[in-house]
Amino acid sequence: MGLFTFIKNAGAKVFGIGKTTEEEAAEAKAKADAAELRAEEAAARNLEETINDLQLQVENLNVFIDDDMARVSGMAYDQATKEKVVLVIGNTAGIASVDDQMTVEHVEPEAQFHTVVSGDTLGKIAKHYYGNAMKYPVIFEANKPMLTDPDKIYPGQVLRIPHMD
């Protein structure tokens, strides 16, 4: 007797044992999809916990993540809280967009958002939006508690720029 060759995946079809390459690939994909879903659910729960830890008042807060998009719903206490929640979620690694479906209990004017670029400072941003670099504390306060130091901003970060009367 010598060396015999066989079709590797035929056995699963003939005897109903083992798996074809396609079946194994489908199972692997299903496992990977399930793991990704669990990771997205865990990330959403972590964001909800972070928002609560920051004492941002949102009733019935719900964060859902699908790939690089997050959807947030609930009733925010005011417009500033709503915008801060969006920024907490949007300034998280891996999130490219936030679908804001929150409502607001106490309506107030919407703030503008500013994406920090290299070389930006809060003073430079304040000069751009308010015409006065010394108004930087307004921007700092508007982004608390996410900002803990006015000198610690980074390129790509999105900040609230509140409306000035």
N, C-alpha and C. Protein backbone atom coordinates (compact mmCIF):
# COMPACT_ATOMS: atom_id res chain seq x y z
N MET A 1 0.86 -1.17 0.00
CA MET A 1 0.00 0.00 0.00
C MET A 1 0.89 1.22 0.00
N GLY A 2 0.35 2.30 -0.49
CA GLY A 2 1.11 3.53 -0.58
C GLY A 2 0.34 4.68 0.04
N LEU A 3 0.61 5.85 -0.42
CA LEU A 3 -0.02 7.07 0.07
C LEU A 3 -1.30 7.30 -0.71
N PHE A 4 -2.36 7.49 0.01
CA PHE A 4 -3.66 7.77 -0.61
C PHE A 4 -4.03 9.21 -0.32
N THR A 5 -4.64 9.88 -1.22
CA THR A 5 -5.09 11.26 -1.00
C THR A 5 -6.61 11.31 -1.03
N PHE A 6 -7.15 12.20 -0.25
CA PHE A 6 -8.59 12.35 -0.14
C PHE A 6 -8.94 13.82 -0.21
N ILE A 7 -10.22 14.09 -0.43
CA ILE A 7 -10.73 15.46 -0.38
C ILE A 7 -11.00 15.74 1.10
N LYS A 8 -10.26 16.66 1.66
CA LYS A 8 -10.25 16.88 3.11
C LYS A 8 -11.63 17.15 3.70
N ASN A 9 -12.43 17.95 3.06
CA ASN A 9 -13.71 18.35 3.64
C ASN A 9 -14.88 17.48 3.21
N ALA A 10 -14.64 16.45 2.45
CA ALA A 10 -15.74 15.61 1.98
C ALA A 10 -16.34 14.78 3.09
N GLY A 11 -15.56 14.40 4.10
CA GLY A 11 -16.04 13.55 5.17
C GLY A 11 -17.23 14.14 5.90
N ALA A 12 -17.23 15.40 6.11
CA ALA A 12 -18.35 16.04 6.81
C ALA A 12 -19.62 15.90 5.98
N LYS A 13 -19.50 15.91 4.71
CA LYS A 13 -20.68 15.82 3.85
C LYS A 13 -21.19 14.38 3.77
N VAL A 14 -20.29 13.44 3.75
CA VAL A 14 -20.68 12.04 3.57
C VAL A 14 -21.20 11.43 4.87
N PHE A 15 -20.48 11.62 5.98
CA PHE A 15 -20.82 10.96 7.23
C PHE A 15 -21.51 11.86 8.24
N GLY A 16 -21.61 13.14 7.95
CA GLY A 16 -22.26 14.07 8.88
C GLY A 16 -21.41 14.37 10.11
N ILE A 17 -20.10 14.10 10.03
CA ILE A 17 -19.21 14.43 11.14
C ILE A 17 -18.24 15.51 10.70
N GLY A 18 -17.69 16.22 11.66
CA GLY A 18 -16.76 17.28 11.32
C GLY A 18 -17.47 18.45 10.66
N LYS A 19 -16.71 19.39 10.23
CA LYS A 19 -17.28 20.59 9.61
C LYS A 19 -16.51 20.94 8.35
N THR A 20 -17.23 21.49 7.40
CA THR A 20 -16.58 21.95 6.18
C THR A 20 -15.87 23.26 6.50
N THR A 21 -14.99 23.69 5.63
CA THR A 21 -14.29 24.96 5.79
C THR A 21 -15.29 26.09 5.88
N GLU A 22 -16.33 26.04 5.09
CA GLU A 22 -17.35 27.09 5.10
C GLU A 22 -18.08 27.12 6.44
N GLU A 23 -18.40 25.92 6.97
CA GLU A 23 -19.07 25.86 8.27
C GLU A 23 -18.17 26.39 9.37
N GLU A 24 -16.90 26.04 9.34
CA GLU A 24 -15.95 26.53 10.34
C GLU A 24 -15.81 28.05 10.25
N ALA A 25 -15.75 28.56 9.03
CA ALA A 25 -15.65 30.01 8.83
C ALA A 25 -16.90 30.71 9.35
N ALA A 26 -18.06 30.14 9.08
CA ALA A 26 -19.32 30.74 9.55
C ALA A 26 -19.37 30.74 11.07
N GLU A 27 -18.93 29.63 11.70
CA GLU A 27 -18.91 29.57 13.17
C GLU A 27 -17.93 30.58 13.74
N ALA A 28 -16.77 30.70 13.13
CA ALA A 28 -15.76 31.66 13.61
C ALA A 28 -16.29 33.08 13.50
N LYS A 29 -16.97 33.37 12.39
CA LYS A 29 -17.53 34.71 12.21
C LYS A 29 -18.62 34.98 13.25
N ALA A 30 -19.47 33.99 13.51
CA ALA A 30 -20.53 34.15 14.50
C ALA A 30 -19.93 34.40 15.89
N LYS A 31 -18.87 33.67 16.23
CA LYS A 31 -18.20 33.88 17.52
C LYS A 31 -17.58 35.26 17.59
N ALA A 32 -16.94 35.70 16.51
CA ALA A 32 -16.32 37.03 16.48
C ALA A 32 -17.38 38.12 16.60
N ASP A 33 -18.50 37.93 15.89
CA ASP A 33 -19.60 38.91 15.97
C ASP A 33 -20.16 38.99 17.38
N ALA A 34 -20.32 37.83 18.03
CA ALA A 34 -20.84 37.80 19.40
C ALA A 34 -19.87 38.48 20.35
N ALA A 35 -18.58 38.24 20.17
CA ALA A 35 -17.56 38.87 21.03
C ALA A 35 -17.56 40.38 20.83
N GLU A 36 -17.70 40.82 19.58
CA GLU A 36 -17.75 42.26 19.31
C GLU A 36 -18.99 42.89 19.95
N LEU A 37 -20.11 42.20 19.86
CA LEU A 37 -21.34 42.70 20.47
C LEU A 37 -21.19 42.82 21.98
N ARG A 38 -20.59 41.81 22.61
CA ARG A 38 -20.36 41.87 24.06
C ARG A 38 -19.43 43.02 24.40
N ALA A 39 -18.41 43.24 23.59
CA ALA A 39 -17.47 44.34 23.83
C ALA A 39 -18.17 45.68 23.69
N GLU A 40 -19.03 45.81 22.66
CA GLU A 40 -19.77 47.06 22.46
C GLU A 40 -20.75 47.30 23.61
N GLU A 41 -21.40 46.23 24.09
CA GLU A 41 -22.32 46.38 25.22
C GLU A 41 -21.56 46.79 26.48
N ALA A 42 -20.38 46.20 26.69
CA ALA A 42 -19.56 46.56 27.86
C ALA A 42 -19.09 48.01 27.75
N ALA A 43 -18.70 48.43 26.57
CA ALA A 43 -18.26 49.81 26.37
C ALA A 43 -19.41 50.78 26.63
N ALA A 44 -20.60 50.43 26.18
CA ALA A 44 -21.78 51.28 26.41
C ALA A 44 -22.07 51.39 27.90
N ARG A 45 -22.00 50.27 28.63
CA ARG A 45 -22.23 50.31 30.08
C ARG A 45 -21.16 51.14 30.78
N ASN A 46 -19.90 51.03 30.31
CA ASN A 46 -18.82 51.83 30.88
C ASN A 46 -19.06 53.32 30.66
N LEU A 47 -19.55 53.68 29.48
CA LEU A 47 -19.85 55.09 29.21
C LEU A 47 -20.98 55.57 30.10
N GLU A 48 -22.01 54.76 30.27
CA GLU A 48 -23.12 55.14 31.15
C GLU A 48 -22.61 55.35 32.58
N GLU A 49 -21.73 54.45 33.03
CA GLU A 49 -21.16 54.57 34.37
C GLU A 49 -20.32 55.84 34.49
N THR A 50 -19.53 56.14 33.48
CA THR A 50 -18.71 57.35 33.49
C THR A 50 -19.58 58.59 33.56
N ILE A 51 -20.65 58.62 32.77
CA ILE A 51 -21.56 59.77 32.78
C ILE A 51 -22.18 59.93 34.16
N ASN A 52 -22.57 58.84 34.78
CA ASN A 52 -23.12 58.90 36.14
C ASN A 52 -22.06 59.34 37.14
N ASP A 53 -20.83 58.82 37.00
CA ASP A 53 -19.74 59.20 37.90
C ASP A 53 -19.43 60.70 37.80
N LEU A 54 -19.60 61.26 36.61
CA LEU A 54 -19.36 62.70 36.40
C LEU A 54 -20.54 63.54 36.92
N GLN A 55 -21.55 62.86 37.43
CA GLN A 55 -22.74 63.49 38.00
C GLN A 55 -23.49 64.35 36.98
N LEU A 56 -23.50 63.86 35.74
CA LEU A 56 -24.30 64.51 34.70
C LEU A 56 -25.71 63.95 34.83
N GLN A 57 -26.66 64.82 35.04
CA GLN A 57 -28.03 64.40 35.36
C GLN A 57 -28.81 64.05 34.10
N VAL A 58 -28.99 62.74 33.89
CA VAL A 58 -29.77 62.24 32.75
C VAL A 58 -30.67 61.12 33.26
N GLU A 59 -31.97 61.31 33.15
CA GLU A 59 -32.91 60.26 33.51
C GLU A 59 -33.01 59.26 32.38
N ASN A 60 -33.10 57.98 32.74
CA ASN A 60 -33.26 56.89 31.76
C ASN A 60 -32.15 56.91 30.71
N LEU A 61 -30.93 57.16 31.15
CA LEU A 61 -29.78 57.18 30.24
C LEU A 61 -29.60 55.81 29.59
N ASN A 62 -29.42 55.81 28.28
CA ASN A 62 -29.15 54.58 27.54
C ASN A 62 -28.16 54.89 26.45
N VAL A 63 -27.05 54.16 26.46
CA VAL A 63 -26.03 54.29 25.41
C VAL A 63 -25.98 52.97 24.67
N PHE A 64 -25.99 53.06 23.35
CA PHE A 64 -25.90 51.87 22.49
C PHE A 64 -24.78 52.13 21.50
N ILE A 65 -23.87 51.18 21.35
CA ILE A 65 -22.75 51.32 20.43
C ILE A 65 -22.86 50.29 19.33
N ASP A 66 -22.71 50.74 18.10
CA ASP A 66 -22.69 49.86 16.93
C ASP A 66 -21.50 50.26 16.09
N ASP A 67 -20.46 49.44 16.14
CA ASP A 67 -19.21 49.71 15.45
C ASP A 67 -18.60 50.99 16.00
N ASP A 68 -18.48 52.05 15.20
CA ASP A 68 -17.87 53.30 15.69
C ASP A 68 -18.90 54.40 15.92
N MET A 69 -20.19 54.03 15.95
CA MET A 69 -21.26 55.00 16.18
C MET A 69 -21.95 54.69 17.50
N ALA A 70 -22.20 55.73 18.28
CA ALA A 70 -22.92 55.57 19.55
C ALA A 70 -24.24 56.32 19.46
N ARG A 71 -25.27 55.72 20.04
CA ARG A 71 -26.58 56.37 20.13
C ARG A 71 -26.87 56.56 21.61
N VAL A 72 -27.29 57.76 21.98
CA VAL A 72 -27.59 58.05 23.39
C VAL A 72 -29.00 58.60 23.49
N SER A 73 -29.71 58.13 24.52
CA SER A 73 -31.06 58.63 24.76
C SER A 73 -31.25 58.83 26.25
N GLY A 74 -32.30 59.54 26.59
CA GLY A 74 -32.63 59.85 27.97
C GLY A 74 -33.03 61.31 28.05
N MET A 75 -33.38 61.76 29.26
CA MET A 75 -33.75 63.17 29.45
C MET A 75 -32.69 63.86 30.28
N ALA A 76 -31.98 64.79 29.64
CA ALA A 76 -30.95 65.57 30.33
C ALA A 76 -31.61 66.69 31.12
N TYR A 77 -30.97 67.06 32.22
CA TYR A 77 -31.49 68.13 33.06
C TYR A 77 -31.56 69.46 32.28
N ASP A 78 -30.50 69.76 31.52
CA ASP A 78 -30.47 70.99 30.74
C ASP A 78 -29.62 70.78 29.48
N GLN A 79 -29.57 71.80 28.63
CA GLN A 79 -28.84 71.72 27.37
C GLN A 79 -27.35 71.47 27.60
N ALA A 80 -26.78 72.13 28.61
CA ALA A 80 -25.35 71.95 28.90
C ALA A 80 -25.06 70.49 29.25
N THR A 81 -25.91 69.89 30.06
CA THR A 81 -25.72 68.48 30.43
C THR A 81 -25.81 67.60 29.20
N LYS A 82 -26.77 67.85 28.35
CA LYS A 82 -26.94 67.08 27.12
C LYS A 82 -25.67 67.15 26.28
N GLU A 83 -25.14 68.35 26.11
CA GLU A 83 -23.94 68.54 25.29
C GLU A 83 -22.73 67.88 25.93
N LYS A 84 -22.62 67.94 27.25
CA LYS A 84 -21.50 67.29 27.93
C LYS A 84 -21.56 65.78 27.77
N VAL A 85 -22.76 65.21 27.83
CA VAL A 85 -22.91 63.76 27.63
C VAL A 85 -22.44 63.39 26.23
N VAL A 86 -22.86 64.17 25.23
CA VAL A 86 -22.43 63.90 23.85
C VAL A 86 -20.91 63.97 23.75
N LEU A 87 -20.30 64.94 24.43
CA LEU A 87 -18.84 65.08 24.38
C LEU A 87 -18.12 63.94 25.11
N VAL A 88 -18.65 63.50 26.24
CA VAL A 88 -18.04 62.37 26.94
C VAL A 88 -18.01 61.16 26.02
N ILE A 89 -19.12 60.92 25.36
CA ILE A 89 -19.20 59.75 24.47
C ILE A 89 -18.34 59.96 23.22
N GLY A 90 -18.48 61.13 22.59
CA GLY A 90 -17.76 61.39 21.34
C GLY A 90 -16.26 61.48 21.49
N ASN A 91 -15.78 61.93 22.65
CA ASN A 91 -14.35 62.03 22.90
C ASN A 91 -13.76 60.74 23.44
N THR A 92 -14.45 59.63 23.22
CA THR A 92 -13.99 58.31 23.63
C THR A 92 -13.34 57.62 22.43
N ALA A 93 -12.18 57.03 22.65
CA ALA A 93 -11.48 56.32 21.57
C ALA A 93 -12.39 55.27 20.96
N GLY A 94 -12.43 55.23 19.63
CA GLY A 94 -13.24 54.25 18.92
C GLY A 94 -14.59 54.76 18.49
N ILE A 95 -15.01 55.92 19.01
CA ILE A 95 -16.31 56.49 18.64
C ILE A 95 -16.09 57.59 17.61
N ALA A 96 -16.71 57.43 16.43
CA ALA A 96 -16.56 58.41 15.36
C ALA A 96 -17.76 59.35 15.27
N SER A 97 -18.93 58.89 15.74
CA SER A 97 -20.12 59.74 15.68
C SER A 97 -21.07 59.38 16.82
N VAL A 98 -21.87 60.39 17.22
CA VAL A 98 -22.84 60.19 18.28
C VAL A 98 -24.20 60.61 17.75
N ASP A 99 -25.16 59.69 17.79
CA ASP A 99 -26.54 59.98 17.42
C ASP A 99 -27.25 60.40 18.71
N ASP A 100 -27.43 61.71 18.87
CA ASP A 100 -28.02 62.27 20.08
C ASP A 100 -29.54 62.23 19.97
N GLN A 101 -30.16 61.38 20.78
CA GLN A 101 -31.62 61.28 20.80
C GLN A 101 -32.17 61.70 22.17
N MET A 102 -31.36 62.47 22.91
CA MET A 102 -31.79 62.92 24.23
C MET A 102 -32.77 64.08 24.13
N THR A 103 -33.60 64.19 25.15
CA THR A 103 -34.47 65.36 25.30
C THR A 103 -33.92 66.17 26.46
N VAL A 104 -34.42 67.42 26.59
CA VAL A 104 -33.91 68.33 27.61
C VAL A 104 -35.07 68.81 28.47
N GLU A 105 -34.90 68.74 29.79
CA GLU A 105 -35.93 69.18 30.71
C GLU A 105 -35.99 70.72 30.79
N HIS A 106 -34.83 71.37 30.91
CA HIS A 106 -34.76 72.84 31.00
C HIS A 106 -34.02 73.36 29.76
N VAL A 107 -34.77 73.89 28.82
CA VAL A 107 -34.23 74.31 27.53
C VAL A 107 -33.43 75.61 27.69
N GLU A 108 -32.29 75.67 26.98
CA GLU A 108 -31.45 76.86 26.94
C GLU A 108 -30.73 76.87 25.59
N PRO A 109 -30.08 77.99 25.23
CA PRO A 109 -29.42 78.04 23.92
C PRO A 109 -28.35 76.95 23.76
N GLU A 110 -28.22 76.44 22.56
CA GLU A 110 -27.21 75.43 22.26
C GLU A 110 -25.84 76.07 22.18
N ALA A 111 -24.83 75.34 22.60
CA ALA A 111 -23.44 75.78 22.48
C ALA A 111 -22.91 75.36 21.11
N GLN A 112 -21.80 75.97 20.72
CA GLN A 112 -21.08 75.53 19.53
C GLN A 112 -20.08 74.48 19.98
N PHE A 113 -19.61 73.67 19.05
CA PHE A 113 -18.56 72.71 19.35
C PHE A 113 -17.31 73.13 18.59
N HIS A 114 -16.16 72.91 19.19
CA HIS A 114 -14.87 73.24 18.57
C HIS A 114 -13.96 72.02 18.67
N THR A 115 -13.38 71.62 17.55
CA THR A 115 -12.42 70.53 17.55
C THR A 115 -11.02 71.12 17.70
N VAL A 116 -10.34 70.70 18.75
CA VAL A 116 -9.00 71.21 19.05
C VAL A 116 -8.03 70.76 17.97
N VAL A 117 -7.19 71.71 17.52
CA VAL A 117 -6.12 71.40 16.57
C VAL A 117 -4.79 71.67 17.26
N SER A 118 -3.73 71.13 16.69
CA SER A 118 -2.40 71.32 17.25
C SER A 118 -2.11 72.81 17.39
N GLY A 119 -1.62 73.22 18.54
CA GLY A 119 -1.31 74.62 18.80
C GLY A 119 -2.43 75.38 19.49
N ASP A 120 -3.61 74.78 19.58
CA ASP A 120 -4.73 75.44 20.26
C ASP A 120 -4.47 75.53 21.76
N THR A 121 -4.94 76.60 22.35
CA THR A 121 -5.02 76.75 23.80
C THR A 121 -6.43 77.25 24.07
N LEU A 122 -6.87 77.15 25.31
CA LEU A 122 -8.20 77.68 25.63
C LEU A 122 -8.24 79.18 25.37
N GLY A 123 -7.13 79.88 25.63
CA GLY A 123 -7.07 81.31 25.36
C GLY A 123 -7.22 81.62 23.88
N LYS A 124 -6.55 80.86 23.06
CA LYS A 124 -6.62 81.05 21.60
C LYS A 124 -8.04 80.76 21.10
N ILE A 125 -8.66 79.73 21.65
CA ILE A 125 -10.03 79.38 21.26
C ILE A 125 -10.99 80.48 21.72
N ALA A 126 -10.79 80.98 22.96
CA ALA A 126 -11.64 82.07 23.48
C ALA A 126 -11.49 83.32 22.62
N LYS A 127 -10.28 83.63 22.19
CA LYS A 127 -10.05 84.80 21.32
C LYS A 127 -10.83 84.63 20.02
N HIS A 128 -10.82 83.42 19.47
CA HIS A 128 -11.51 83.16 18.21
C HIS A 128 -13.03 83.33 18.36
N TYR A 129 -13.61 82.76 19.41
CA TYR A 129 -15.07 82.77 19.56
C TYR A 129 -15.61 84.01 20.26
N TYR A 130 -14.86 84.56 21.21
CA TYR A 130 -15.36 85.68 22.02
C TYR A 130 -14.61 86.98 21.78
N GLY A 131 -13.52 86.93 21.01
CA GLY A 131 -12.73 88.14 20.76
C GLY A 131 -11.86 88.54 21.93
N ASN A 132 -11.74 87.66 22.94
CA ASN A 132 -10.98 87.99 24.13
C ASN A 132 -10.39 86.70 24.71
N ALA A 133 -9.06 86.58 24.67
CA ALA A 133 -8.39 85.38 25.16
C ALA A 133 -8.62 85.16 26.65
N MET A 134 -8.88 86.23 27.38
CA MET A 134 -9.08 86.12 28.83
C MET A 134 -10.43 85.49 29.19
N LYS A 135 -11.25 85.19 28.20
CA LYS A 135 -12.53 84.51 28.44
C LYS A 135 -12.35 82.98 28.47
N TYR A 136 -11.09 82.53 28.44
CA TYR A 136 -10.86 81.08 28.44
C TYR A 136 -11.51 80.36 29.62
N PRO A 137 -11.64 80.98 30.83
CA PRO A 137 -12.31 80.25 31.92
C PRO A 137 -13.76 79.88 31.59
N VAL A 138 -14.41 80.66 30.73
CA VAL A 138 -15.79 80.33 30.34
C VAL A 138 -15.80 78.97 29.63
N ILE A 139 -14.84 78.77 28.75
CA ILE A 139 -14.76 77.49 28.01
C ILE A 139 -14.34 76.37 28.96
N PHE A 140 -13.39 76.67 29.83
CA PHE A 140 -12.96 75.66 30.80
C PHE A 140 -14.13 75.20 31.67
N GLU A 141 -14.86 76.15 32.23
CA GLU A 141 -16.01 75.82 33.09
C GLU A 141 -17.09 75.06 32.31
N ALA A 142 -17.28 75.43 31.05
CA ALA A 142 -18.31 74.78 30.23
C ALA A 142 -17.97 73.33 29.91
N ASN A 143 -16.71 72.97 30.08
CA ASN A 143 -16.28 71.60 29.76
C ASN A 143 -15.90 70.79 30.99
N LYS A 144 -16.18 71.32 32.17
CA LYS A 144 -16.01 70.55 33.40
C LYS A 144 -17.18 69.58 33.50
N PRO A 145 -17.06 68.45 34.01
CA PRO A 145 -15.91 67.85 34.68
C PRO A 145 -15.00 67.08 33.72
N MET A 146 -15.27 67.13 32.42
CA MET A 146 -14.41 66.39 31.49
C MET A 146 -13.00 66.99 31.47
N LEU A 147 -12.89 68.31 31.56
CA LEU A 147 -11.59 68.97 31.67
C LEU A 147 -11.30 69.18 33.15
N THR A 148 -10.09 68.84 33.53
CA THR A 148 -9.70 69.05 34.93
C THR A 148 -8.60 70.09 35.04
N ASP A 149 -8.03 70.49 33.89
CA ASP A 149 -6.95 71.47 33.87
C ASP A 149 -7.05 72.22 32.54
N PRO A 150 -7.04 73.56 32.57
CA PRO A 150 -7.18 74.31 31.32
C PRO A 150 -6.02 74.11 30.35
N ASP A 151 -4.90 73.58 30.83
CA ASP A 151 -3.76 73.35 29.95
C ASP A 151 -3.73 71.95 29.37
N LYS A 152 -4.71 71.13 29.71
CA LYS A 152 -4.70 69.74 29.24
C LYS A 152 -5.81 69.50 28.23
N ILE A 153 -5.60 70.05 27.04
CA ILE A 153 -6.48 69.75 25.90
C ILE A 153 -5.59 69.10 24.85
N TYR A 154 -6.20 68.39 23.93
CA TYR A 154 -5.40 67.66 22.95
C TYR A 154 -6.05 67.73 21.57
N PRO A 155 -5.23 67.67 20.51
CA PRO A 155 -5.77 67.70 19.15
C PRO A 155 -6.79 66.58 18.93
N GLY A 156 -7.90 66.93 18.32
CA GLY A 156 -8.97 65.98 18.05
C GLY A 156 -10.07 66.03 19.09
N GLN A 157 -9.76 66.57 20.26
CA GLN A 157 -10.77 66.68 21.33
C GLN A 157 -11.80 67.72 20.90
N VAL A 158 -13.05 67.46 21.23
CA VAL A 158 -14.13 68.39 20.92
C VAL A 158 -14.57 69.06 22.21
N LEU A 159 -14.68 70.40 22.17
CA LEU A 159 -15.04 71.18 23.35
C LEU A 159 -16.35 71.94 23.11
N ARG A 160 -17.07 72.20 24.20
CA ARG A 160 -18.27 73.04 24.16
C ARG A 160 -17.82 74.50 24.21
N ILE A 161 -18.41 75.30 23.37
CA ILE A 161 -18.19 76.75 23.39
C ILE A 161 -19.57 77.37 23.64
N PRO A 162 -19.84 77.72 24.91
CA PRO A 162 -21.18 78.21 25.22
C PRO A 162 -21.47 79.57 24.59
N HIS A 163 -22.74 79.79 24.37
CA HIS A 163 -23.22 81.05 23.81
C HIS A 163 -22.98 82.16 24.82
N MET A 164 -22.45 83.28 24.38
CA MET A 164 -22.24 84.44 25.25
C MET A 164 -23.28 85.49 24.91
N ASP A 165 -23.90 86.06 25.94
CA ASP A 165 -24.90 87.11 25.72
C ASP A 165 -24.25 88.43 25.39
